[in-house]
N, C-alpha and C. Protein backbone atom coordinates (compact mmCIF):
# COMPACT_ATOMS: atom_id res chain seq x y z
N LYS A 1 -20.47 16.04 -3.80
CA LYS A 1 -19.11 16.56 -3.85
C LYS A 1 -18.63 16.98 -2.46
N ALA A 2 -19.51 17.60 -1.69
CA ALA A 2 -19.12 18.04 -0.35
C ALA A 2 -18.80 16.83 0.54
N LEU A 3 -19.60 15.78 0.42
CA LEU A 3 -19.36 14.56 1.19
C LEU A 3 -18.02 13.95 0.78
N GLU A 4 -17.76 13.92 -0.51
CA GLU A 4 -16.50 13.37 -1.01
C GLU A 4 -15.31 14.16 -0.47
N ARG A 5 -15.41 15.48 -0.48
CA ARG A 5 -14.33 16.31 0.05
C ARG A 5 -14.14 16.07 1.54
N ALA A 6 -15.23 15.90 2.27
CA ALA A 6 -15.14 15.65 3.71
C ALA A 6 -14.48 14.29 3.98
N GLN A 7 -14.82 13.30 3.16
CA GLN A 7 -14.22 11.98 3.33
C GLN A 7 -12.71 12.02 3.06
N VAL A 8 -12.30 12.77 2.05
CA VAL A 8 -10.88 12.89 1.75
C VAL A 8 -10.17 13.63 2.88
N ALA A 9 -10.79 14.67 3.40
CA ALA A 9 -10.19 15.42 4.51
C ALA A 9 -10.03 14.53 5.74
N LEU A 10 -11.03 13.71 6.03
CA LEU A 10 -10.95 12.79 7.16
C LEU A 10 -9.84 11.75 6.92
N ALA A 11 -9.78 11.23 5.71
CA ALA A 11 -8.73 10.26 5.39
C ALA A 11 -7.35 10.89 5.54
N ARG A 12 -7.21 12.13 5.13
CA ARG A 12 -5.92 12.83 5.25
C ARG A 12 -5.53 12.98 6.72
N ALA A 13 -6.49 13.33 7.56
CA ALA A 13 -6.21 13.48 8.99
C ALA A 13 -5.81 12.13 9.60
N ARG A 14 -6.49 11.07 9.21
CA ARG A 14 -6.15 9.74 9.71
C ARG A 14 -4.79 9.28 9.19
N PHE A 15 -4.47 9.69 7.97
CA PHE A 15 -3.21 9.26 7.36
C PHE A 15 -2.01 9.78 8.13
N ASP A 16 -2.13 10.97 8.67
CA ASP A 16 -1.04 11.51 9.48
C ASP A 16 -0.75 10.60 10.67
N GLN A 17 -1.78 9.95 11.22
CA GLN A 17 -1.59 8.99 12.31
C GLN A 17 -0.96 7.69 11.78
N VAL A 18 -1.32 7.31 10.56
CA VAL A 18 -0.79 6.10 9.95
C VAL A 18 0.72 6.23 9.73
N LEU A 19 1.18 7.43 9.44
CA LEU A 19 2.62 7.66 9.22
C LEU A 19 3.46 7.22 10.42
N ALA A 20 2.85 7.22 11.60
CA ALA A 20 3.57 6.79 12.80
C ALA A 20 3.94 5.30 12.73
N GLN A 21 3.30 4.54 11.83
CA GLN A 21 3.58 3.11 11.68
C GLN A 21 4.77 2.86 10.75
N GLU A 22 5.34 3.91 10.20
CA GLU A 22 6.48 3.78 9.29
C GLU A 22 7.67 3.19 10.04
N THR A 23 8.38 2.28 9.36
CA THR A 23 9.55 1.65 9.96
C THR A 23 10.69 1.64 8.95
N PRO A 24 11.92 1.70 9.41
CA PRO A 24 13.04 1.56 8.48
C PRO A 24 13.32 0.08 8.22
N LEU A 25 13.49 -0.26 6.96
CA LEU A 25 13.86 -1.62 6.57
C LEU A 25 14.97 -1.52 5.54
N GLY A 26 16.06 -2.18 5.77
CA GLY A 26 17.15 -2.16 4.80
C GLY A 26 17.62 -0.77 4.44
N GLY A 27 17.58 0.15 5.39
CA GLY A 27 18.02 1.51 5.15
C GLY A 27 17.01 2.39 4.43
N GLN A 28 15.79 1.89 4.23
CA GLN A 28 14.74 2.64 3.53
C GLN A 28 13.56 2.89 4.47
N SER A 29 12.85 3.97 4.22
CA SER A 29 11.61 4.21 4.94
C SER A 29 10.54 3.33 4.31
N VAL A 30 9.80 2.61 5.15
CA VAL A 30 8.77 1.69 4.66
C VAL A 30 7.51 1.88 5.48
N LEU A 31 6.40 2.04 4.77
CA LEU A 31 5.09 2.14 5.42
C LEU A 31 4.22 1.02 4.88
N ILE A 32 3.89 0.09 5.74
CA ILE A 32 2.97 -1.00 5.40
C ILE A 32 1.87 -0.95 6.45
N ALA A 33 0.66 -0.60 6.02
CA ALA A 33 -0.39 -0.36 7.00
C ALA A 33 -1.78 -0.62 6.45
N ARG A 34 -2.66 -0.94 7.36
CA ARG A 34 -4.09 -1.01 7.07
C ARG A 34 -4.66 0.37 7.36
N VAL A 35 -5.44 0.90 6.43
CA VAL A 35 -6.00 2.24 6.58
C VAL A 35 -7.51 2.20 6.45
N GLU A 36 -8.14 3.26 6.90
CA GLU A 36 -9.58 3.40 6.78
C GLU A 36 -9.86 4.42 5.69
N THR A 37 -10.60 4.01 4.67
CA THR A 37 -10.99 4.92 3.61
C THR A 37 -12.25 4.39 2.95
N ALA A 38 -13.01 5.29 2.35
CA ALA A 38 -14.28 4.91 1.75
C ALA A 38 -14.16 4.56 0.27
N THR A 39 -13.07 4.98 -0.38
CA THR A 39 -12.96 4.75 -1.83
C THR A 39 -11.56 4.28 -2.21
N SER A 40 -11.50 3.57 -3.32
CA SER A 40 -10.20 3.14 -3.83
C SER A 40 -9.41 4.34 -4.38
N ASP A 41 -10.11 5.37 -4.85
CA ASP A 41 -9.42 6.59 -5.30
C ASP A 41 -8.63 7.21 -4.15
N THR A 42 -9.25 7.28 -2.97
CA THR A 42 -8.56 7.86 -1.81
C THR A 42 -7.41 6.96 -1.38
N LEU A 43 -7.58 5.65 -1.50
CA LEU A 43 -6.50 4.73 -1.16
C LEU A 43 -5.29 5.00 -2.06
N ARG A 44 -5.53 5.18 -3.35
CA ARG A 44 -4.43 5.51 -4.27
C ARG A 44 -3.83 6.87 -3.94
N GLU A 45 -4.69 7.82 -3.59
CA GLU A 45 -4.21 9.16 -3.25
C GLU A 45 -3.29 9.14 -2.03
N MET A 46 -3.56 8.22 -1.11
CA MET A 46 -2.72 8.10 0.08
C MET A 46 -1.27 7.77 -0.28
N THR A 47 -1.09 6.99 -1.34
CA THR A 47 0.29 6.70 -1.75
C THR A 47 0.96 7.98 -2.27
N ASP A 48 0.19 8.85 -2.90
CA ASP A 48 0.73 10.15 -3.34
C ASP A 48 1.16 10.98 -2.14
N TRP A 49 0.35 10.96 -1.09
CA TRP A 49 0.69 11.71 0.12
C TRP A 49 2.00 11.17 0.70
N TYR A 50 2.13 9.84 0.70
CA TYR A 50 3.35 9.25 1.25
C TYR A 50 4.56 9.61 0.39
N ARG A 51 4.42 9.48 -0.93
CA ARG A 51 5.54 9.81 -1.82
C ARG A 51 5.95 11.27 -1.69
N ALA A 52 4.99 12.14 -1.42
CA ALA A 52 5.33 13.56 -1.23
C ALA A 52 6.17 13.74 0.03
N ALA A 53 5.87 12.96 1.07
CA ALA A 53 6.60 13.06 2.33
C ALA A 53 7.92 12.29 2.29
N ARG A 54 7.93 11.14 1.61
CA ARG A 54 9.10 10.25 1.56
C ARG A 54 9.31 9.78 0.12
N PRO A 55 9.92 10.59 -0.71
CA PRO A 55 10.07 10.24 -2.13
C PRO A 55 10.81 8.91 -2.36
N GLU A 56 11.69 8.53 -1.46
CA GLU A 56 12.46 7.29 -1.63
C GLU A 56 11.91 6.15 -0.77
N GLY A 57 10.70 6.32 -0.21
CA GLY A 57 10.13 5.30 0.64
C GLY A 57 9.24 4.32 -0.11
N VAL A 58 9.02 3.17 0.51
CA VAL A 58 8.14 2.13 -0.02
C VAL A 58 6.83 2.21 0.76
N CYS A 59 5.72 2.14 0.03
CA CYS A 59 4.41 2.26 0.67
C CYS A 59 3.50 1.13 0.21
N VAL A 60 2.96 0.38 1.17
CA VAL A 60 1.97 -0.66 0.90
C VAL A 60 0.80 -0.38 1.83
N LEU A 61 -0.35 -0.08 1.24
CA LEU A 61 -1.54 0.23 2.03
C LEU A 61 -2.66 -0.72 1.65
N GLY A 62 -3.44 -1.12 2.67
CA GLY A 62 -4.59 -1.97 2.43
C GLY A 62 -5.79 -1.43 3.16
N ALA A 63 -6.96 -1.68 2.58
CA ALA A 63 -8.22 -1.24 3.20
C ALA A 63 -9.33 -2.18 2.76
N VAL A 64 -10.35 -2.25 3.58
CA VAL A 64 -11.56 -2.97 3.19
C VAL A 64 -12.55 -1.90 2.75
N ILE A 65 -12.91 -1.97 1.48
CA ILE A 65 -13.82 -0.98 0.89
C ILE A 65 -15.01 -1.74 0.33
N GLY A 66 -16.17 -1.50 0.92
CA GLY A 66 -17.38 -2.21 0.48
C GLY A 66 -17.26 -3.71 0.63
N ASP A 67 -16.77 -4.18 1.76
CA ASP A 67 -16.57 -5.60 2.07
C ASP A 67 -15.53 -6.29 1.19
N LYS A 68 -14.75 -5.55 0.45
CA LYS A 68 -13.75 -6.11 -0.45
C LYS A 68 -12.36 -5.58 -0.07
N PRO A 69 -11.40 -6.47 0.18
CA PRO A 69 -10.06 -5.99 0.51
C PRO A 69 -9.36 -5.45 -0.73
N GLN A 70 -8.70 -4.31 -0.56
CA GLN A 70 -7.95 -3.70 -1.65
C GLN A 70 -6.59 -3.28 -1.13
N ALA A 71 -5.62 -3.24 -2.03
CA ALA A 71 -4.27 -2.84 -1.63
C ALA A 71 -3.60 -2.08 -2.76
N VAL A 72 -2.68 -1.22 -2.38
CA VAL A 72 -1.85 -0.48 -3.33
C VAL A 72 -0.40 -0.57 -2.87
N VAL A 73 0.50 -0.57 -3.85
CA VAL A 73 1.92 -0.66 -3.58
C VAL A 73 2.63 0.43 -4.38
N SER A 74 3.48 1.19 -3.72
CA SER A 74 4.27 2.23 -4.37
C SER A 74 5.74 2.00 -4.04
N VAL A 75 6.57 1.95 -5.08
CA VAL A 75 7.99 1.69 -4.93
C VAL A 75 8.76 2.74 -5.73
N PRO A 76 9.75 3.40 -5.13
CA PRO A 76 10.53 4.37 -5.90
C PRO A 76 11.36 3.67 -6.98
N ALA A 77 11.60 4.37 -8.07
CA ALA A 77 12.33 3.80 -9.21
C ALA A 77 13.70 3.27 -8.82
N ALA A 78 14.37 3.93 -7.90
CA ALA A 78 15.71 3.50 -7.48
C ALA A 78 15.67 2.09 -6.89
N LEU A 79 14.57 1.74 -6.24
CA LEU A 79 14.48 0.40 -5.64
C LEU A 79 14.07 -0.66 -6.65
N ASN A 80 13.51 -0.25 -7.80
CA ASN A 80 13.23 -1.22 -8.85
C ASN A 80 14.52 -1.85 -9.33
N LYS A 81 15.56 -1.04 -9.38
CA LYS A 81 16.87 -1.53 -9.82
C LYS A 81 17.44 -2.56 -8.85
N ARG A 82 16.96 -2.51 -7.61
CA ARG A 82 17.41 -3.48 -6.59
C ARG A 82 16.49 -4.69 -6.54
N GLY A 83 15.51 -4.74 -7.44
CA GLY A 83 14.66 -5.93 -7.53
C GLY A 83 13.29 -5.83 -6.89
N LEU A 84 12.94 -4.68 -6.36
CA LEU A 84 11.62 -4.53 -5.75
C LEU A 84 10.64 -4.00 -6.79
N ASP A 85 9.66 -4.80 -7.14
CA ASP A 85 8.70 -4.49 -8.20
C ASP A 85 7.28 -4.45 -7.61
N ALA A 86 6.64 -3.30 -7.70
CA ALA A 86 5.29 -3.14 -7.13
C ALA A 86 4.31 -4.12 -7.74
N GLY A 87 4.40 -4.37 -9.05
CA GLY A 87 3.48 -5.30 -9.71
C GLY A 87 3.59 -6.71 -9.17
N LYS A 88 4.83 -7.16 -8.94
CA LYS A 88 5.03 -8.51 -8.39
C LYS A 88 4.52 -8.59 -6.96
N VAL A 89 4.77 -7.55 -6.18
CA VAL A 89 4.30 -7.55 -4.79
C VAL A 89 2.78 -7.61 -4.75
N ILE A 90 2.10 -6.79 -5.56
CA ILE A 90 0.64 -6.75 -5.49
C ILE A 90 0.04 -8.07 -5.96
N ARG A 91 0.61 -8.69 -6.98
CA ARG A 91 0.06 -9.98 -7.43
C ARG A 91 0.17 -11.02 -6.32
N ASP A 92 1.28 -11.02 -5.60
CA ASP A 92 1.48 -11.97 -4.52
C ASP A 92 0.48 -11.72 -3.38
N ILE A 93 0.40 -10.47 -2.92
CA ILE A 93 -0.46 -10.21 -1.76
C ILE A 93 -1.94 -10.27 -2.11
N ALA A 94 -2.30 -9.91 -3.35
CA ALA A 94 -3.71 -10.03 -3.76
C ALA A 94 -4.11 -11.50 -3.80
N GLY A 95 -3.15 -12.36 -4.17
CA GLY A 95 -3.42 -13.79 -4.15
C GLY A 95 -3.74 -14.30 -2.75
N VAL A 96 -3.08 -13.73 -1.75
CA VAL A 96 -3.35 -14.09 -0.36
C VAL A 96 -4.81 -13.78 -0.01
N MET A 97 -5.34 -12.70 -0.60
CA MET A 97 -6.72 -12.27 -0.33
C MET A 97 -7.74 -12.93 -1.27
N GLY A 98 -7.27 -13.83 -2.13
CA GLY A 98 -8.16 -14.52 -3.04
C GLY A 98 -8.50 -13.70 -4.28
N GLY A 99 -7.59 -12.86 -4.70
CA GLY A 99 -7.86 -12.01 -5.86
C GLY A 99 -6.65 -11.86 -6.74
N GLY A 100 -6.55 -10.71 -7.38
CA GLY A 100 -5.43 -10.45 -8.28
C GLY A 100 -5.18 -8.97 -8.38
N GLY A 101 -4.15 -8.64 -9.13
CA GLY A 101 -3.82 -7.24 -9.31
C GLY A 101 -2.69 -7.09 -10.30
N GLY A 102 -2.33 -5.85 -10.53
CA GLY A 102 -1.25 -5.58 -11.46
C GLY A 102 -0.95 -4.11 -11.50
N GLY A 103 -0.02 -3.76 -12.36
CA GLY A 103 0.35 -2.37 -12.50
C GLY A 103 1.77 -2.24 -13.01
N ARG A 104 2.35 -1.12 -12.76
CA ARG A 104 3.71 -0.82 -13.20
C ARG A 104 4.72 -1.24 -12.11
N PRO A 105 5.99 -1.24 -12.45
CA PRO A 105 7.01 -1.58 -11.44
C PRO A 105 7.05 -0.60 -10.26
N THR A 106 6.56 0.64 -10.48
CA THR A 106 6.61 1.64 -9.40
C THR A 106 5.26 1.83 -8.70
N PHE A 107 4.16 1.37 -9.30
CA PHE A 107 2.85 1.49 -8.66
C PHE A 107 1.94 0.39 -9.16
N ALA A 108 1.26 -0.27 -8.23
CA ALA A 108 0.33 -1.33 -8.59
C ALA A 108 -0.81 -1.38 -7.59
N GLN A 109 -1.93 -1.94 -8.03
CA GLN A 109 -3.08 -2.08 -7.14
C GLN A 109 -3.76 -3.41 -7.40
N GLY A 110 -4.45 -3.88 -6.37
CA GLY A 110 -5.14 -5.15 -6.49
C GLY A 110 -6.24 -5.27 -5.47
N SER A 111 -7.02 -6.33 -5.62
CA SER A 111 -8.11 -6.56 -4.68
C SER A 111 -8.30 -8.06 -4.51
N GLY A 112 -9.11 -8.39 -3.55
CA GLY A 112 -9.37 -9.79 -3.26
C GLY A 112 -10.83 -10.02 -2.91
N LYS A 113 -11.12 -11.23 -2.49
CA LYS A 113 -12.49 -11.59 -2.14
C LYS A 113 -12.67 -11.79 -0.64
N ASP A 114 -11.57 -12.05 0.08
CA ASP A 114 -11.65 -12.39 1.50
C ASP A 114 -11.06 -11.27 2.36
N ALA A 115 -11.94 -10.42 2.89
CA ALA A 115 -11.51 -9.28 3.70
C ALA A 115 -10.77 -9.72 4.96
N ALA A 116 -11.07 -10.91 5.45
CA ALA A 116 -10.41 -11.40 6.65
C ALA A 116 -8.92 -11.68 6.42
N LYS A 117 -8.50 -11.75 5.18
CA LYS A 117 -7.10 -12.05 4.84
C LYS A 117 -6.26 -10.79 4.61
N LEU A 118 -6.84 -9.59 4.77
CA LEU A 118 -6.09 -8.37 4.50
C LEU A 118 -4.85 -8.27 5.38
N ASP A 119 -4.97 -8.55 6.66
CA ASP A 119 -3.81 -8.45 7.55
C ASP A 119 -2.74 -9.47 7.17
N ASP A 120 -3.15 -10.67 6.74
CA ASP A 120 -2.19 -11.67 6.28
C ASP A 120 -1.46 -11.17 5.03
N ALA A 121 -2.20 -10.52 4.14
CA ALA A 121 -1.61 -9.98 2.91
C ALA A 121 -0.59 -8.89 3.24
N LEU A 122 -0.91 -8.03 4.20
CA LEU A 122 0.03 -6.97 4.58
C LEU A 122 1.28 -7.56 5.24
N ALA A 123 1.11 -8.63 6.01
CA ALA A 123 2.27 -9.30 6.61
C ALA A 123 3.14 -9.92 5.51
N ARG A 124 2.50 -10.48 4.49
CA ARG A 124 3.24 -11.04 3.35
C ARG A 124 4.00 -9.92 2.63
N ALA A 125 3.36 -8.76 2.48
CA ALA A 125 4.02 -7.62 1.83
C ALA A 125 5.26 -7.21 2.59
N ARG A 126 5.17 -7.20 3.92
CA ARG A 126 6.33 -6.83 4.74
C ARG A 126 7.47 -7.82 4.48
N ALA A 127 7.16 -9.11 4.43
CA ALA A 127 8.20 -10.12 4.19
C ALA A 127 8.82 -9.95 2.80
N LEU A 128 8.02 -9.66 1.79
CA LEU A 128 8.53 -9.47 0.43
C LEU A 128 9.43 -8.24 0.34
N VAL A 129 8.99 -7.13 0.93
CA VAL A 129 9.77 -5.89 0.90
C VAL A 129 11.07 -6.08 1.66
N GLU A 130 10.99 -6.70 2.83
CA GLU A 130 12.19 -6.92 3.63
C GLU A 130 13.19 -7.79 2.87
N ALA A 131 12.73 -8.85 2.24
CA ALA A 131 13.62 -9.73 1.50
C ALA A 131 14.27 -8.98 0.33
N ALA A 132 13.51 -8.16 -0.37
CA ALA A 132 14.05 -7.42 -1.51
C ALA A 132 15.07 -6.38 -1.06
N LEU A 133 14.83 -5.75 0.06
CA LEU A 133 15.74 -4.70 0.52
C LEU A 133 17.03 -5.27 1.13
N LYS A 134 16.98 -6.52 1.58
CA LYS A 134 18.18 -7.16 2.12
C LYS A 134 19.05 -7.75 1.04
N ALA A 135 18.47 -7.98 -0.12
CA ALA A 135 19.21 -8.62 -1.23
C ALA A 135 20.27 -7.71 -1.80
């Protein structure tokens, strides 16, 4: 438990640096980033941290956990009405990594088999989010 708490604390400290990668797209705050974390639970928790800081922002995070690429997508409900669906985004980018995923329109997660494709998947996520926000 102590190790787990220390890992979460370290991830939280690193996440504050990741926030610097946030960019505005289509008038919205958007964070699409590769992060370092030891567990998929912490990866999901990072989206909570982002939503707490930017309730109307879009968050796509990816990490390699145990040699397996994983990603999470968080989209505010207001942007679902504009056509941005977290489930559709995760299925697309997980496919880039050789895997799959799913979830709700506001939150989804997925994984793949090819860790080398994580950066390509995040680039694809940026293109999907940008296209949805311009529509």
